[in-house]
Amino acid sequence: MIKLIHFIKTLIISLICLVQTFYKKVCNKMFGRFRTVLSASSAEGYVDTGVKVLIAVVLGALLLTLLYSLFNDVIGPTVGDRVYKLFEYAG
């Protein structure tokens, strides 16, 4: 009976060691890929694209602000007066 318990104990320990080594190999392989991807400089173009998009958004916001102020201050009142004069015509 003692030999059977010793055999089962040895079997469990060897299985645990086998699982641990498999886990370590998988983790090293996976983290090795992560290290390779993170250390690669092939993704540097994304920063340039991000800056271009940011510049485009800022310029678009400035253009919309300019058009909004132009329509509210200059074009809006003039068009409003002309439409009012069209309907005010008493002829």
Protein backbone atom coordinates (compact mmCIF):
# COMPACT_ATOMS: atom_id res chain seq x y z
CA MET A 1 0.00 0.00 0.00
CA ILE A 2 2.84 2.37 0.82
CA LYS A 3 4.42 1.69 -2.58
CA LEU A 4 1.13 2.57 -4.27
CA ILE A 5 0.87 5.86 -2.36
CA HIS A 6 4.49 6.64 -3.16
CA PHE A 7 3.85 5.86 -6.84
CA ILE A 8 0.76 8.10 -6.95
CA LYS A 9 2.65 10.88 -5.17
CA THR A 10 5.54 10.60 -7.63
CA LEU A 11 3.10 10.55 -10.56
CA ILE A 12 1.29 13.67 -9.33
CA ILE A 13 4.59 15.51 -8.75
CA SER A 14 5.84 14.59 -12.22
CA LEU A 15 2.54 15.72 -13.77
CA ILE A 16 2.76 19.02 -11.92
CA CYS A 17 6.33 19.50 -13.13
CA LEU A 18 5.25 18.66 -16.68
CA VAL A 19 2.42 21.20 -16.55
CA GLN A 20 4.75 23.83 -15.08
CA THR A 21 7.34 23.37 -17.82
CA PHE A 22 4.64 23.47 -20.50
CA TYR A 23 3.20 26.64 -18.96
CA LYS A 24 6.64 28.25 -18.79
CA LYS A 25 7.33 27.40 -22.44
CA VAL A 26 3.99 28.82 -23.55
CA CYS A 27 4.45 31.98 -21.49
CA ASN A 28 8.01 32.52 -22.73
CA LYS A 29 6.88 32.02 -26.31
CA MET A 30 3.93 34.39 -25.89
CA PHE A 31 5.89 37.08 -24.05
CA GLY A 32 8.72 36.70 -26.55
CA ARG A 33 6.26 37.60 -29.28
CA PHE A 34 5.00 40.55 -27.23
CA ARG A 35 8.56 41.77 -26.72
CA THR A 36 9.23 41.46 -30.44
CA VAL A 37 6.08 43.37 -31.35
CA LEU A 38 6.66 46.09 -28.78
CA SER A 39 10.31 46.57 -29.69
CA ALA A 40 9.61 46.74 -33.43
CA SER A 41 9.68 50.22 -34.91
CA SER A 42 7.45 49.39 -37.87
CA ALA A 43 4.45 51.05 -36.20
CA GLU A 44 6.05 54.49 -36.08
CA GLY A 45 3.85 55.60 -38.99
CA TYR A 46 0.83 55.53 -36.68
CA VAL A 47 2.18 58.50 -34.74
CA ASP A 48 2.52 60.53 -37.93
CA THR A 49 -1.00 59.62 -39.00
CA GLY A 50 -2.34 60.55 -35.57
CA VAL A 51 -0.68 63.96 -35.73
CA LYS A 52 -2.14 64.54 -39.21
CA VAL A 53 -5.61 63.61 -38.00
CA LEU A 54 -5.25 65.90 -34.99
CA ILE A 55 -4.17 68.81 -37.21
CA ALA A 56 -7.11 68.15 -39.56
CA VAL A 57 -9.56 68.16 -36.63
CA VAL A 58 -8.19 71.42 -35.24
CA LEU A 59 -8.26 73.12 -38.65
CA GLY A 60 -11.80 71.86 -39.24
CA ALA A 61 -12.93 73.24 -35.88
CA LEU A 62 -11.36 76.61 -36.69
CA LEU A 63 -13.05 76.67 -40.09
CA LEU A 64 -16.44 75.83 -38.58
CA THR A 65 -16.00 78.54 -35.95
CA LEU A 66 -15.13 81.07 -38.64
CA LEU A 67 -18.15 80.11 -40.76
CA TYR A 68 -20.45 80.17 -37.74
CA SER A 69 -19.34 83.65 -36.73
CA LEU A 70 -19.51 84.85 -40.35
CA PHE A 71 -23.07 83.61 -40.80
CA ASN A 72 -24.26 84.98 -37.45
CA ASP A 73 -22.65 88.41 -37.73
CA VAL A 74 -22.53 89.27 -41.44
CA ILE A 75 -24.69 87.03 -43.62
CA GLY A 76 -27.47 86.15 -41.18
CA PRO A 77 -28.79 89.64 -40.44
CA THR A 78 -28.53 90.70 -44.10
CA VAL A 79 -30.50 87.68 -45.32
CA GLY A 80 -33.02 88.17 -42.54
CA ASP A 81 -33.59 91.80 -43.52
CA ARG A 82 -33.98 90.92 -47.18
CA VAL A 83 -36.52 88.17 -46.44
CA TYR A 84 -38.44 90.54 -44.18
CA LYS A 85 -38.49 93.20 -46.92
CA LEU A 86 -39.76 90.62 -49.43
CA PHE A 87 -42.77 89.80 -47.28
CA GLU A 88 -43.31 93.43 -46.34
CA TYR A 89 -43.90 94.43 -49.97
CA ALA A 90 -47.20 96.26 -50.20
CA GLY A 91 -47.71 96.71 -53.88
